[in-house]
Amino acid sequence: MRNEFCGRSGSDVQGIGGDCDVVHDPGIDLKPLDAELSDLVQNEATHKESDLCGGGKGRGRKGKRKGPGGGPIGSSESLAVVNVEGDCRLSGNSGGMGIIYVDGGSLTMTGNSEWKRMVFVTGEGSFKASKGTPNISGSVAFYDGGSLDMRGTASIQYNSDQMRRLREEFGIDALKELIDSPAGDAVRMTNRSQGAVGPGEAPAGQGRGGTQN
């Protein structure tokens, strides 16, 4: 993945200081994080997959119903937790704040859609961002396979502060290794990333928008 993105000319993958936005760190073990997130979505999911993909309503982490039809789900006071096992598409102004756990399904973001905090892709899951200005602020992580496809002006901005808040809110201890890793110290933010990366093209590594392991 580093070679795929860092070999491009221009500022598409250049972050603060002119460094490439993709950092290779195979030393990060995401298995404990995958286990914690899997337990979280099974026991504390706040919204159904259809709530996220259809812009519907959910009960929210603190019992509040969030996200009127077509709008975002979750907030800083009531983070959303969603398990995606099928095909999920965020378009227009949809999105939200919290954790999206893509368990073998596919997540596609287009238009002005936005997600804050974390997207975690595991197994045969996939994440695609294109058409418009979709944005993620927080982190995108891949574990045990998965594929990434980013085109046009889609962007992922790594935000360590949001990741720390996420760890505190849900007590996700395994996030500490990602946040405190040498690559995590170096990552700051991702500007635009263009092109596509498939499972066969993406070796283990950490991106400024997250981790591939």
N, C-alpha and C. Protein backbone atom coordinates (compact mmCIF):
# COMPACT_ATOMS: atom_id res chain seq x y z
N MET A 1 0.83 -1.20 0.00
CA MET A 1 0.00 0.00 0.00
C MET A 1 0.87 1.25 0.00
N ARG A 2 1.97 1.22 0.74
CA ARG A 2 2.86 2.38 0.77
C ARG A 2 3.41 2.68 -0.62
N ASN A 3 3.85 1.64 -1.32
CA ASN A 3 4.39 1.84 -2.67
C ASN A 3 3.31 2.34 -3.62
N GLU A 4 2.09 1.83 -3.45
CA GLU A 4 0.99 2.22 -4.32
C GLU A 4 0.69 3.71 -4.21
N PHE A 5 0.64 4.22 -2.99
CA PHE A 5 0.27 5.62 -2.78
C PHE A 5 1.47 6.57 -2.82
N CYS A 6 2.57 6.16 -2.21
CA CYS A 6 3.70 7.08 -2.08
C CYS A 6 4.43 7.30 -3.40
N GLY A 7 4.22 6.42 -4.37
CA GLY A 7 4.88 6.58 -5.65
C GLY A 7 4.20 7.61 -6.55
N ARG A 8 3.08 8.15 -6.10
CA ARG A 8 2.35 9.11 -6.91
C ARG A 8 2.97 10.50 -6.78
N SER A 9 2.88 11.26 -7.85
CA SER A 9 3.39 12.63 -7.84
C SER A 9 2.34 13.58 -7.31
N GLY A 10 2.76 14.79 -6.98
CA GLY A 10 1.80 15.77 -6.49
C GLY A 10 1.59 15.67 -4.99
N SER A 11 0.52 16.25 -4.50
CA SER A 11 0.28 16.34 -3.06
C SER A 11 -0.82 15.42 -2.57
N ASP A 12 -1.20 14.43 -3.40
CA ASP A 12 -2.33 13.59 -3.05
C ASP A 12 -2.14 12.81 -1.75
N VAL A 13 -0.91 12.44 -1.45
CA VAL A 13 -0.67 11.65 -0.25
C VAL A 13 0.36 12.33 0.66
N GLN A 14 0.58 13.62 0.47
CA GLN A 14 1.56 14.33 1.28
C GLN A 14 0.90 14.98 2.49
N GLY A 15 1.41 14.67 3.67
CA GLY A 15 0.86 15.23 4.90
C GLY A 15 1.75 16.33 5.44
N ILE A 16 1.68 16.55 6.75
CA ILE A 16 2.46 17.59 7.39
C ILE A 16 3.95 17.29 7.23
N GLY A 17 4.72 18.31 6.86
CA GLY A 17 6.16 18.14 6.69
C GLY A 17 6.55 17.54 5.36
N GLY A 18 5.56 17.25 4.49
CA GLY A 18 5.86 16.70 3.18
C GLY A 18 6.10 15.20 3.17
N ASP A 19 5.97 14.53 4.32
CA ASP A 19 6.16 13.09 4.36
C ASP A 19 4.97 12.38 3.71
N CYS A 20 5.21 11.16 3.25
CA CYS A 20 4.14 10.37 2.68
C CYS A 20 3.16 9.98 3.78
N ASP A 21 1.88 9.94 3.43
CA ASP A 21 0.83 9.67 4.40
C ASP A 21 0.66 8.19 4.73
N VAL A 22 1.47 7.32 4.16
CA VAL A 22 1.36 5.89 4.43
C VAL A 22 2.65 5.42 5.09
N VAL A 23 2.53 4.87 6.29
CA VAL A 23 3.70 4.41 7.05
C VAL A 23 3.59 2.91 7.26
N HIS A 24 4.64 2.19 6.93
CA HIS A 24 4.64 0.73 7.05
C HIS A 24 5.06 0.33 8.45
N ASP A 25 4.19 -0.39 9.15
CA ASP A 25 4.50 -0.84 10.50
C ASP A 25 3.88 -2.21 10.74
N PRO A 26 4.53 -3.28 10.24
CA PRO A 26 3.99 -4.63 10.41
C PRO A 26 4.03 -5.13 11.84
N GLY A 27 4.66 -4.36 12.74
CA GLY A 27 4.77 -4.79 14.13
C GLY A 27 3.49 -4.62 14.92
N ILE A 28 2.54 -3.86 14.39
CA ILE A 28 1.28 -3.65 15.11
C ILE A 28 0.41 -4.90 15.00
N ASP A 29 -0.02 -5.43 16.13
CA ASP A 29 -0.88 -6.61 16.17
C ASP A 29 -2.32 -6.16 16.37
N LEU A 30 -3.14 -6.31 15.34
CA LEU A 30 -4.54 -5.86 15.42
C LEU A 30 -5.50 -6.95 15.87
N LYS A 31 -4.99 -8.15 16.15
CA LYS A 31 -5.88 -9.23 16.57
C LYS A 31 -6.62 -8.89 17.87
N PRO A 32 -5.93 -8.37 18.90
CA PRO A 32 -6.65 -8.01 20.13
C PRO A 32 -7.70 -6.92 19.89
N LEU A 33 -7.40 -5.96 19.01
CA LEU A 33 -8.35 -4.90 18.71
C LEU A 33 -9.57 -5.47 18.00
N ASP A 34 -9.34 -6.38 17.07
CA ASP A 34 -10.44 -7.02 16.36
C ASP A 34 -11.34 -7.76 17.35
N ALA A 35 -10.74 -8.45 18.31
CA ALA A 35 -11.52 -9.20 19.29
C ALA A 35 -12.38 -8.26 20.15
N GLU A 36 -11.80 -7.14 20.59
CA GLU A 36 -12.55 -6.19 21.42
C GLU A 36 -13.68 -5.55 20.64
N LEU A 37 -13.41 -5.17 19.39
CA LEU A 37 -14.44 -4.54 18.58
C LEU A 37 -15.55 -5.52 18.23
N SER A 38 -15.19 -6.77 17.99
CA SER A 38 -16.19 -7.80 17.69
C SER A 38 -17.14 -7.98 18.87
N ASP A 39 -16.58 -8.03 20.08
CA ASP A 39 -17.40 -8.15 21.28
C ASP A 39 -18.29 -6.91 21.45
N LEU A 40 -17.74 -5.75 21.14
CA LEU A 40 -18.47 -4.50 21.29
C LEU A 40 -19.70 -4.46 20.38
N VAL A 41 -19.52 -4.81 19.11
CA VAL A 41 -20.65 -4.73 18.18
C VAL A 41 -21.68 -5.82 18.47
N GLN A 42 -21.24 -6.92 19.05
CA GLN A 42 -22.19 -7.98 19.38
C GLN A 42 -23.01 -7.64 20.62
N ASN A 43 -22.40 -6.96 21.57
CA ASN A 43 -23.06 -6.71 22.85
C ASN A 43 -23.57 -5.29 23.05
N GLU A 44 -22.98 -4.31 22.32
CA GLU A 44 -23.37 -2.93 22.55
C GLU A 44 -23.66 -2.16 21.27
N ALA A 45 -24.05 -2.86 20.22
CA ALA A 45 -24.40 -2.17 18.97
C ALA A 45 -25.56 -1.21 19.25
N THR A 46 -25.44 0.02 18.77
CA THR A 46 -26.47 1.03 19.01
C THR A 46 -27.41 1.19 17.83
N HIS A 47 -26.99 0.76 16.65
CA HIS A 47 -27.79 0.91 15.44
C HIS A 47 -27.70 -0.35 14.60
N LYS A 48 -28.74 -0.60 13.83
CA LYS A 48 -28.71 -1.68 12.86
C LYS A 48 -27.97 -1.21 11.61
N GLU A 49 -27.55 -2.16 10.81
CA GLU A 49 -26.87 -1.83 9.57
C GLU A 49 -27.75 -0.94 8.69
N SER A 50 -29.05 -1.23 8.67
CA SER A 50 -29.98 -0.45 7.85
C SER A 50 -30.12 0.99 8.35
N ASP A 51 -29.89 1.21 9.65
CA ASP A 51 -29.95 2.57 10.19
C ASP A 51 -28.84 3.43 9.59
N LEU A 52 -27.66 2.84 9.48
CA LEU A 52 -26.51 3.56 8.93
C LEU A 52 -26.65 3.73 7.43
N CYS A 53 -26.89 2.64 6.76
CA CYS A 53 -26.90 2.66 5.29
C CYS A 53 -28.14 3.35 4.74
N GLY A 54 -29.21 3.33 5.51
CA GLY A 54 -30.43 3.97 5.06
C GLY A 54 -30.69 5.31 5.72
N GLY A 55 -29.73 5.75 6.57
CA GLY A 55 -29.90 7.02 7.26
C GLY A 55 -31.05 7.01 8.23
N GLY A 56 -31.34 5.85 8.83
CA GLY A 56 -32.48 5.73 9.73
C GLY A 56 -32.17 6.12 11.15
N LYS A 57 -32.98 5.63 12.10
CA LYS A 57 -32.81 5.98 13.49
C LYS A 57 -32.32 4.78 14.29
N GLY A 58 -31.66 5.08 15.41
CA GLY A 58 -31.19 4.05 16.32
C GLY A 58 -31.32 4.56 17.73
N ARG A 59 -31.07 3.70 18.70
CA ARG A 59 -31.29 4.11 20.08
C ARG A 59 -30.15 4.91 20.67
N GLY A 60 -28.94 4.86 20.04
CA GLY A 60 -27.83 5.63 20.56
C GLY A 60 -27.21 4.95 21.76
N ARG A 61 -25.94 5.27 22.05
CA ARG A 61 -25.24 4.61 23.16
C ARG A 61 -25.88 4.91 24.50
N LYS A 62 -26.47 6.08 24.66
CA LYS A 62 -27.06 6.45 25.94
C LYS A 62 -28.59 6.50 25.86
N GLY A 63 -29.12 5.69 24.96
CA GLY A 63 -30.56 5.56 24.90
C GLY A 63 -31.28 6.61 24.09
N LYS A 64 -30.55 7.51 23.45
CA LYS A 64 -31.18 8.57 22.68
C LYS A 64 -31.32 8.13 21.23
N ARG A 65 -32.43 8.48 20.64
CA ARG A 65 -32.63 8.16 19.23
C ARG A 65 -31.95 9.22 18.38
N LYS A 66 -31.08 8.77 17.51
CA LYS A 66 -30.30 9.70 16.69
C LYS A 66 -30.52 9.42 15.21
N GLY A 67 -30.29 10.44 14.41
CA GLY A 67 -30.27 10.26 12.97
C GLY A 67 -31.61 10.17 12.31
N PRO A 68 -32.30 11.31 12.09
CA PRO A 68 -33.55 11.27 11.34
C PRO A 68 -33.29 10.74 9.94
N GLY A 69 -34.31 10.24 9.29
CA GLY A 69 -34.16 9.64 7.97
C GLY A 69 -33.30 10.47 7.04
N GLY A 70 -32.25 9.86 6.50
CA GLY A 70 -31.37 10.54 5.58
C GLY A 70 -30.25 11.32 6.25
N GLY A 71 -30.24 11.41 7.56
CA GLY A 71 -29.24 12.19 8.26
C GLY A 71 -28.22 11.31 8.96
N PRO A 72 -27.28 11.93 9.68
CA PRO A 72 -26.22 11.18 10.36
C PRO A 72 -26.72 10.48 11.61
N ILE A 73 -25.95 9.49 12.06
CA ILE A 73 -26.25 8.78 13.30
C ILE A 73 -25.09 8.98 14.26
N GLY A 74 -25.38 8.98 15.56
CA GLY A 74 -24.35 9.16 16.56
C GLY A 74 -23.95 10.62 16.72
N SER A 75 -23.32 10.91 17.86
CA SER A 75 -22.84 12.26 18.15
C SER A 75 -21.71 12.13 19.16
N SER A 76 -21.08 13.24 19.52
CA SER A 76 -19.99 13.19 20.50
C SER A 76 -20.51 12.77 21.86
N GLU A 77 -21.80 13.03 22.14
CA GLU A 77 -22.38 12.64 23.42
C GLU A 77 -22.94 11.23 23.38
N SER A 78 -23.20 10.71 22.19
CA SER A 78 -23.83 9.40 22.05
C SER A 78 -23.28 8.71 20.80
N LEU A 79 -22.10 8.11 20.92
CA LEU A 79 -21.43 7.51 19.77
C LEU A 79 -22.18 6.29 19.24
N ALA A 80 -22.18 6.14 17.94
CA ALA A 80 -22.84 5.01 17.30
C ALA A 80 -21.88 3.83 17.17
N VAL A 81 -22.43 2.62 17.27
CA VAL A 81 -21.66 1.39 17.06
C VAL A 81 -22.47 0.54 16.08
N VAL A 82 -21.88 0.27 14.91
CA VAL A 82 -22.63 -0.42 13.85
C VAL A 82 -21.81 -1.58 13.28
N ASN A 83 -22.46 -2.72 13.08
CA ASN A 83 -21.82 -3.87 12.47
C ASN A 83 -22.32 -3.99 11.04
N VAL A 84 -21.42 -3.94 10.06
CA VAL A 84 -21.79 -4.03 8.65
C VAL A 84 -21.36 -5.39 8.11
N GLU A 85 -22.35 -6.22 7.75
CA GLU A 85 -22.07 -7.54 7.21
C GLU A 85 -22.49 -7.67 5.75
N GLY A 86 -23.24 -6.68 5.26
CA GLY A 86 -23.70 -6.70 3.87
C GLY A 86 -23.11 -5.55 3.09
N ASP A 87 -23.86 -5.07 2.11
CA ASP A 87 -23.42 -3.94 1.30
C ASP A 87 -24.01 -2.65 1.85
N CYS A 88 -23.16 -1.74 2.27
CA CYS A 88 -23.60 -0.50 2.88
C CYS A 88 -23.06 0.69 2.09
N ARG A 89 -23.93 1.62 1.73
CA ARG A 89 -23.53 2.79 0.97
C ARG A 89 -23.95 4.06 1.70
N LEU A 90 -22.99 4.95 1.91
CA LEU A 90 -23.27 6.26 2.49
C LEU A 90 -23.14 7.29 1.37
N SER A 91 -24.17 8.08 1.17
CA SER A 91 -24.14 9.07 0.11
C SER A 91 -24.77 10.37 0.61
N GLY A 92 -24.72 11.41 -0.22
CA GLY A 92 -25.30 12.69 0.18
C GLY A 92 -24.61 13.22 1.42
N ASN A 93 -25.41 13.59 2.42
CA ASN A 93 -24.86 14.10 3.68
C ASN A 93 -24.96 13.07 4.80
N SER A 94 -25.05 11.80 4.45
CA SER A 94 -25.18 10.76 5.47
C SER A 94 -23.85 10.49 6.14
N GLY A 95 -23.88 9.68 7.20
CA GLY A 95 -22.67 9.35 7.95
C GLY A 95 -22.93 9.37 9.43
N GLY A 96 -21.97 9.91 10.19
CA GLY A 96 -22.15 9.98 11.62
C GLY A 96 -20.85 9.91 12.39
N MET A 97 -20.96 9.44 13.65
CA MET A 97 -19.80 9.43 14.54
C MET A 97 -19.82 8.19 15.42
N GLY A 98 -18.69 7.51 15.49
CA GLY A 98 -18.59 6.32 16.32
C GLY A 98 -17.72 5.26 15.67
N ILE A 99 -18.18 4.01 15.69
CA ILE A 99 -17.43 2.88 15.15
C ILE A 99 -18.26 2.14 14.11
N ILE A 100 -17.66 1.94 12.93
CA ILE A 100 -18.25 1.06 11.92
C ILE A 100 -17.35 -0.16 11.82
N TYR A 101 -17.89 -1.32 12.13
CA TYR A 101 -17.14 -2.57 12.07
C TYR A 101 -17.62 -3.34 10.84
N VAL A 102 -16.78 -3.36 9.80
CA VAL A 102 -17.15 -3.99 8.53
C VAL A 102 -16.68 -5.45 8.57
N ASP A 103 -17.59 -6.34 8.89
CA ASP A 103 -17.27 -7.75 9.10
C ASP A 103 -17.60 -8.56 7.83
N GLY A 104 -16.70 -8.51 6.86
CA GLY A 104 -16.90 -9.27 5.64
C GLY A 104 -17.82 -8.59 4.64
N GLY A 105 -18.40 -7.44 5.00
CA GLY A 105 -19.28 -6.72 4.09
C GLY A 105 -18.52 -5.68 3.31
N SER A 106 -19.25 -4.73 2.74
CA SER A 106 -18.60 -3.66 1.98
C SER A 106 -19.19 -2.31 2.38
N LEU A 107 -18.33 -1.34 2.58
CA LEU A 107 -18.73 0.02 2.92
C LEU A 107 -18.29 0.94 1.79
N THR A 108 -19.24 1.67 1.21
CA THR A 108 -18.94 2.61 0.13
C THR A 108 -19.41 4.00 0.53
N MET A 109 -18.52 4.99 0.42
CA MET A 109 -18.86 6.36 0.74
C MET A 109 -18.74 7.23 -0.51
N THR A 110 -19.78 8.00 -0.79
CA THR A 110 -19.78 8.91 -1.93
C THR A 110 -20.40 10.24 -1.50
N GLY A 111 -20.46 11.19 -2.43
CA GLY A 111 -21.09 12.47 -2.14
C GLY A 111 -20.37 13.24 -1.06
N ASN A 112 -21.13 13.84 -0.15
CA ASN A 112 -20.57 14.58 0.97
C ASN A 112 -20.62 13.79 2.28
N SER A 113 -20.71 12.49 2.18
CA SER A 113 -20.81 11.65 3.37
C SER A 113 -19.55 11.80 4.23
N GLU A 114 -19.73 11.65 5.54
CA GLU A 114 -18.62 11.83 6.48
C GLU A 114 -18.78 10.91 7.67
N TRP A 115 -17.66 10.36 8.14
CA TRP A 115 -17.67 9.54 9.35
C TRP A 115 -16.52 9.98 10.25
N LYS A 116 -16.83 10.14 11.54
CA LYS A 116 -15.83 10.54 12.52
C LYS A 116 -15.61 9.43 13.53
N ARG A 117 -14.39 9.20 13.87
CA ARG A 117 -13.88 8.21 14.81
C ARG A 117 -13.24 7.05 14.05
N MET A 118 -13.90 5.88 13.87
CA MET A 118 -13.16 4.73 13.34
C MET A 118 -13.99 3.85 12.41
N VAL A 119 -13.31 3.38 11.36
CA VAL A 119 -13.84 2.33 10.49
C VAL A 119 -12.86 1.17 10.57
N PHE A 120 -13.35 -0.01 10.93
CA PHE A 120 -12.50 -1.19 11.06
C PHE A 120 -13.01 -2.24 10.09
N VAL A 121 -12.13 -2.68 9.18
CA VAL A 121 -12.50 -3.65 8.15
C VAL A 121 -11.79 -4.97 8.44
N THR A 122 -12.55 -6.05 8.50
CA THR A 122 -11.95 -7.34 8.83
C THR A 122 -12.40 -8.42 7.84
N GLY A 123 -11.63 -9.50 7.76
CA GLY A 123 -11.98 -10.60 6.87
C GLY A 123 -11.98 -10.18 5.41
N GLU A 124 -13.05 -10.54 4.71
CA GLU A 124 -13.16 -10.22 3.29
C GLU A 124 -13.87 -8.88 3.08
N GLY A 125 -13.92 -8.05 4.09
CA GLY A 125 -14.58 -6.76 3.99
C GLY A 125 -13.86 -5.81 3.05
N SER A 126 -14.56 -4.77 2.63
CA SER A 126 -13.95 -3.79 1.73
C SER A 126 -14.45 -2.39 2.05
N PHE A 127 -13.60 -1.42 1.73
CA PHE A 127 -13.96 -0.01 1.92
C PHE A 127 -13.64 0.74 0.64
N LYS A 128 -14.61 1.50 0.16
CA LYS A 128 -14.43 2.26 -1.07
C LYS A 128 -14.93 3.68 -0.85
N ALA A 129 -14.15 4.67 -1.31
CA ALA A 129 -14.55 6.07 -1.21
C ALA A 129 -14.27 6.75 -2.55
N SER A 130 -15.29 7.33 -3.14
CA SER A 130 -15.12 7.99 -4.43
C SER A 130 -16.33 8.87 -4.71
N LYS A 131 -16.31 9.55 -5.83
CA LYS A 131 -17.44 10.35 -6.31
C LYS A 131 -17.88 11.39 -5.28
N GLY A 132 -17.35 12.58 -5.37
CA GLY A 132 -17.69 13.63 -4.43
C GLY A 132 -16.54 13.89 -3.47
N THR A 133 -16.88 14.23 -2.23
CA THR A 133 -15.85 14.53 -1.23
C THR A 133 -16.09 13.77 0.07
N PRO A 134 -16.23 12.44 0.01
CA PRO A 134 -16.40 11.67 1.25
C PRO A 134 -15.18 11.82 2.15
N ASN A 135 -15.40 11.86 3.46
CA ASN A 135 -14.30 12.11 4.39
C ASN A 135 -14.44 11.28 5.66
N ILE A 136 -13.32 10.79 6.14
CA ILE A 136 -13.27 10.13 7.45
C ILE A 136 -12.24 10.85 8.30
N SER A 137 -12.63 11.22 9.50
CA SER A 137 -11.73 11.86 10.45
C SER A 137 -11.59 10.94 11.65
N GLY A 138 -10.41 10.38 11.83
CA GLY A 138 -10.19 9.41 12.90
C GLY A 138 -9.20 8.38 12.43
N SER A 139 -9.68 7.19 12.02
CA SER A 139 -8.77 6.15 11.55
C SER A 139 -9.54 5.09 10.76
N VAL A 140 -8.86 4.51 9.78
CA VAL A 140 -9.37 3.36 9.05
C VAL A 140 -8.36 2.24 9.23
N ALA A 141 -8.80 1.07 9.67
CA ALA A 141 -7.89 -0.05 9.91
C ALA A 141 -8.38 -1.29 9.18
N PHE A 142 -7.43 -2.06 8.64
CA PHE A 142 -7.75 -3.32 7.97
C PHE A 142 -7.07 -4.45 8.73
N TYR A 143 -7.82 -5.54 8.97
CA TYR A 143 -7.24 -6.69 9.66
C TYR A 143 -7.63 -7.98 8.93
N ASP A 144 -6.65 -8.85 8.72
CA ASP A 144 -6.89 -10.17 8.16
C ASP A 144 -7.53 -10.10 6.78
N GLY A 145 -6.97 -9.28 5.90
CA GLY A 145 -7.49 -9.19 4.54
C GLY A 145 -8.22 -7.88 4.30
N GLY A 146 -9.17 -7.90 3.41
CA GLY A 146 -9.92 -6.70 3.10
C GLY A 146 -9.28 -5.91 1.97
N SER A 147 -10.03 -4.98 1.40
CA SER A 147 -9.51 -4.19 0.29
C SER A 147 -9.91 -2.73 0.42
N LEU A 148 -9.07 -1.87 -0.12
CA LEU A 148 -9.28 -0.43 -0.08
C LEU A 148 -9.29 0.12 -1.50
N ASP A 149 -10.25 1.00 -1.78
CA ASP A 149 -10.34 1.63 -3.09
C ASP A 149 -10.70 3.09 -2.88
N MET A 150 -9.75 3.99 -3.09
CA MET A 150 -10.00 5.43 -2.93
C MET A 150 -9.72 6.15 -4.23
N ARG A 151 -10.65 7.02 -4.61
CA ARG A 151 -10.51 7.74 -5.87
C ARG A 151 -10.94 9.19 -5.69
N GLY A 152 -10.56 10.02 -6.66
CA GLY A 152 -11.02 11.41 -6.69
C GLY A 152 -10.57 12.19 -5.47
N THR A 153 -11.49 12.91 -4.84
CA THR A 153 -11.15 13.79 -3.72
C THR A 153 -11.54 13.19 -2.38
N ALA A 154 -11.72 11.89 -2.31
CA ALA A 154 -11.99 11.24 -1.03
C ALA A 154 -10.80 11.43 -0.11
N SER A 155 -11.04 11.56 1.20
CA SER A 155 -9.93 11.80 2.12
C SER A 155 -10.14 11.08 3.45
N ILE A 156 -9.03 10.72 4.07
CA ILE A 156 -9.01 10.16 5.42
C ILE A 156 -8.04 10.98 6.24
N GLN A 157 -8.51 11.57 7.32
CA GLN A 157 -7.67 12.38 8.19
C GLN A 157 -7.46 11.63 9.50
N TYR A 158 -6.21 11.24 9.75
CA TYR A 158 -5.92 10.57 11.01
C TYR A 158 -6.02 11.57 12.15
N ASN A 159 -6.75 11.21 13.21
CA ASN A 159 -6.96 12.10 14.34
C ASN A 159 -6.73 11.32 15.64
N SER A 160 -5.54 11.46 16.22
CA SER A 160 -5.19 10.70 17.42
C SER A 160 -6.05 11.10 18.61
N ASP A 161 -6.48 12.36 18.67
CA ASP A 161 -7.32 12.81 19.77
C ASP A 161 -8.67 12.08 19.76
N GLN A 162 -9.24 11.93 18.58
CA GLN A 162 -10.51 11.21 18.48
C GLN A 162 -10.33 9.74 18.83
N MET A 163 -9.19 9.16 18.49
CA MET A 163 -8.95 7.77 18.83
C MET A 163 -8.80 7.58 20.33
N ARG A 164 -8.16 8.54 20.99
CA ARG A 164 -8.04 8.46 22.45
C ARG A 164 -9.40 8.58 23.13
N ARG A 165 -10.22 9.48 22.61
CA ARG A 165 -11.57 9.64 23.16
C ARG A 165 -12.39 8.37 22.95
N LEU A 166 -12.20 7.74 21.81
CA LEU A 166 -12.91 6.49 21.52
C LEU A 166 -12.49 5.41 22.50
N ARG A 167 -11.21 5.35 22.77
CA ARG A 167 -10.70 4.35 23.72
C ARG A 167 -11.28 4.58 25.12
N GLU A 168 -11.35 5.84 25.53
CA GLU A 168 -11.89 6.16 26.85
C GLU A 168 -13.39 5.89 26.94
N GLU A 169 -14.12 6.22 25.90
CA GLU A 169 -15.57 6.07 25.91
C GLU A 169 -16.00 4.61 26.04
N PHE A 170 -15.32 3.72 25.28
CA PHE A 170 -15.72 2.32 25.26
C PHE A 170 -14.76 1.40 26.03
N GLY A 171 -13.67 1.95 26.55
CA GLY A 171 -12.71 1.13 27.28
C GLY A 171 -12.01 0.13 26.38
N ILE A 172 -11.66 0.54 25.16
CA ILE A 172 -11.01 -0.35 24.20
C ILE A 172 -9.49 -0.30 24.43
N ASP A 173 -9.00 -1.19 25.28
CA ASP A 173 -7.58 -1.17 25.66
C ASP A 173 -6.65 -1.39 24.47
N ALA A 174 -7.08 -2.22 23.50
CA ALA A 174 -6.22 -2.57 22.38
C ALA A 174 -5.94 -1.39 21.46
N LEU A 175 -6.68 -0.31 21.57
CA LEU A 175 -6.41 0.87 20.75
C LEU A 175 -5.10 1.55 21.15
N LYS A 176 -4.61 1.27 22.35
CA LYS A 176 -3.40 1.92 22.84
C LYS A 176 -2.20 1.60 21.95
N GLU A 177 -2.10 0.34 21.50
CA GLU A 177 -0.96 -0.04 20.66
C GLU A 177 -0.98 0.71 19.35
N LEU A 178 -2.16 0.91 18.79
CA LEU A 178 -2.27 1.65 17.53
C LEU A 178 -1.91 3.11 17.72
N ILE A 179 -2.42 3.71 18.79
CA ILE A 179 -2.18 5.13 19.05
C ILE A 179 -0.72 5.39 19.42
N ASP A 180 -0.13 4.50 20.23
CA ASP A 180 1.21 4.73 20.75
C ASP A 180 2.33 4.10 19.93
N SER A 181 2.00 3.47 18.81
CA SER A 181 3.03 2.83 18.00
C SER A 181 3.95 3.87 17.38
N PRO A 182 5.18 3.47 16.98
CA PRO A 182 6.08 4.42 16.31
C PRO A 182 5.43 5.07 15.10
N ALA A 183 4.66 4.28 14.35
CA ALA A 183 3.97 4.84 13.18
C ALA A 183 2.88 5.80 13.64
N GLY A 184 2.23 5.45 14.76
CA GLY A 184 1.18 6.33 15.27
C GLY A 184 1.74 7.66 15.71
N ASP A 185 2.98 7.67 16.22
CA ASP A 185 3.61 8.93 16.60
C ASP A 185 3.87 9.79 15.38
N ALA A 186 4.11 9.14 14.24
CA ALA A 186 4.47 9.88 13.04
C ALA A 186 3.25 10.35 12.25
N VAL A 187 2.14 9.58 12.37
CA VAL A 187 1.00 9.92 11.54
C VAL A 187 0.31 11.17 12.04
N ARG A 188 -0.19 11.95 11.11
CA ARG A 188 -0.86 13.19 11.48
C ARG A 188 -2.19 13.30 10.76
N MET A 189 -2.13 13.33 9.44
CA MET A 189 -3.37 13.44 8.69
C MET A 189 -3.14 13.01 7.25
N THR A 190 -4.22 12.68 6.59
CA THR A 190 -4.16 12.31 5.19
C THR A 190 -4.90 13.34 4.37
N ASN A 191 -4.29 13.80 3.31
CA ASN A 191 -5.00 14.65 2.37
C ASN A 191 -5.68 13.74 1.36
N ARG A 192 -5.62 14.05 0.11
CA ARG A 192 -6.31 13.26 -0.90
C ARG A 192 -5.48 12.05 -1.31
N SER A 193 -6.16 10.92 -1.46
CA SER A 193 -5.50 9.71 -1.93
C SER A 193 -6.24 9.22 -3.17
N GLN A 194 -5.54 9.02 -4.26
CA GLN A 194 -6.19 8.61 -5.50
C GLN A 194 -5.72 7.23 -5.92
N GLY A 195 -6.58 6.54 -6.65
CA GLY A 195 -6.23 5.23 -7.16
C GLY A 195 -6.93 4.14 -6.38
N ALA A 196 -6.62 2.91 -6.73
CA ALA A 196 -7.28 1.77 -6.09
C ALA A 196 -6.24 0.78 -5.59
N VAL A 197 -6.55 0.14 -4.48
CA VAL A 197 -5.69 -0.89 -3.93
C VAL A 197 -6.54 -2.10 -3.62
N GLY A 198 -6.20 -3.23 -4.17
CA GLY A 198 -6.96 -4.45 -3.93
C GLY A 198 -6.24 -5.37 -2.98
N PRO A 199 -6.89 -6.47 -2.56
CA PRO A 199 -6.27 -7.39 -1.59
C PRO A 199 -4.91 -7.90 -2.02
N GLY A 200 -4.74 -8.14 -3.33
CA GLY A 200 -3.47 -8.67 -3.80
C GLY A 200 -2.38 -7.63 -3.93
N GLU A 201 -2.73 -6.36 -3.80
CA GLU A 201 -1.76 -5.29 -3.98
C GLU A 201 -1.36 -4.63 -2.68
N ALA A 202 -2.02 -4.98 -1.58
CA ALA A 202 -1.84 -4.24 -0.34
C ALA A 202 -1.12 -5.06 0.71
N PRO A 203 0.21 -4.91 0.84
CA PRO A 203 0.95 -5.59 1.90
C PRO A 203 0.64 -4.96 3.25
N ALA A 204 1.04 -5.62 4.32
CA ALA A 204 0.79 -5.08 5.65
C ALA A 204 1.47 -3.75 5.82
N GLY A 205 0.82 -2.85 6.53
CA GLY A 205 1.41 -1.53 6.75
C GLY A 205 0.43 -0.61 7.41
N GLN A 206 0.89 0.54 7.83
CA GLN A 206 0.03 1.53 8.47
C GLN A 206 -0.06 2.77 7.62
N GLY A 207 -1.27 3.27 7.43
CA GLY A 207 -1.47 4.49 6.68
C GLY A 207 -1.77 5.63 7.62
N ARG A 208 -1.63 6.83 7.14
CA ARG A 208 -1.95 7.99 7.96
C ARG A 208 -3.42 7.98 8.31
N GLY A 209 -4.21 7.28 7.55
CA GLY A 209 -5.62 7.18 7.89
C GLY A 209 -5.93 5.93 8.66
N GLY A 210 -4.94 5.10 8.96
CA GLY A 210 -5.25 3.89 9.71
C GLY A 210 -4.18 2.84 9.56
N THR A 211 -4.57 1.58 9.66
CA THR A 211 -3.62 0.49 9.68
C THR A 211 -4.03 -0.64 8.76
N GLN A 212 -3.07 -1.26 8.13
CA GLN A 212 -3.32 -2.48 7.39
C GLN A 212 -2.45 -3.55 8.01
N ASN A 213 -3.04 -4.67 8.40
CA ASN A 213 -2.27 -5.73 9.04
C ASN A 213 -2.79 -7.08 8.55
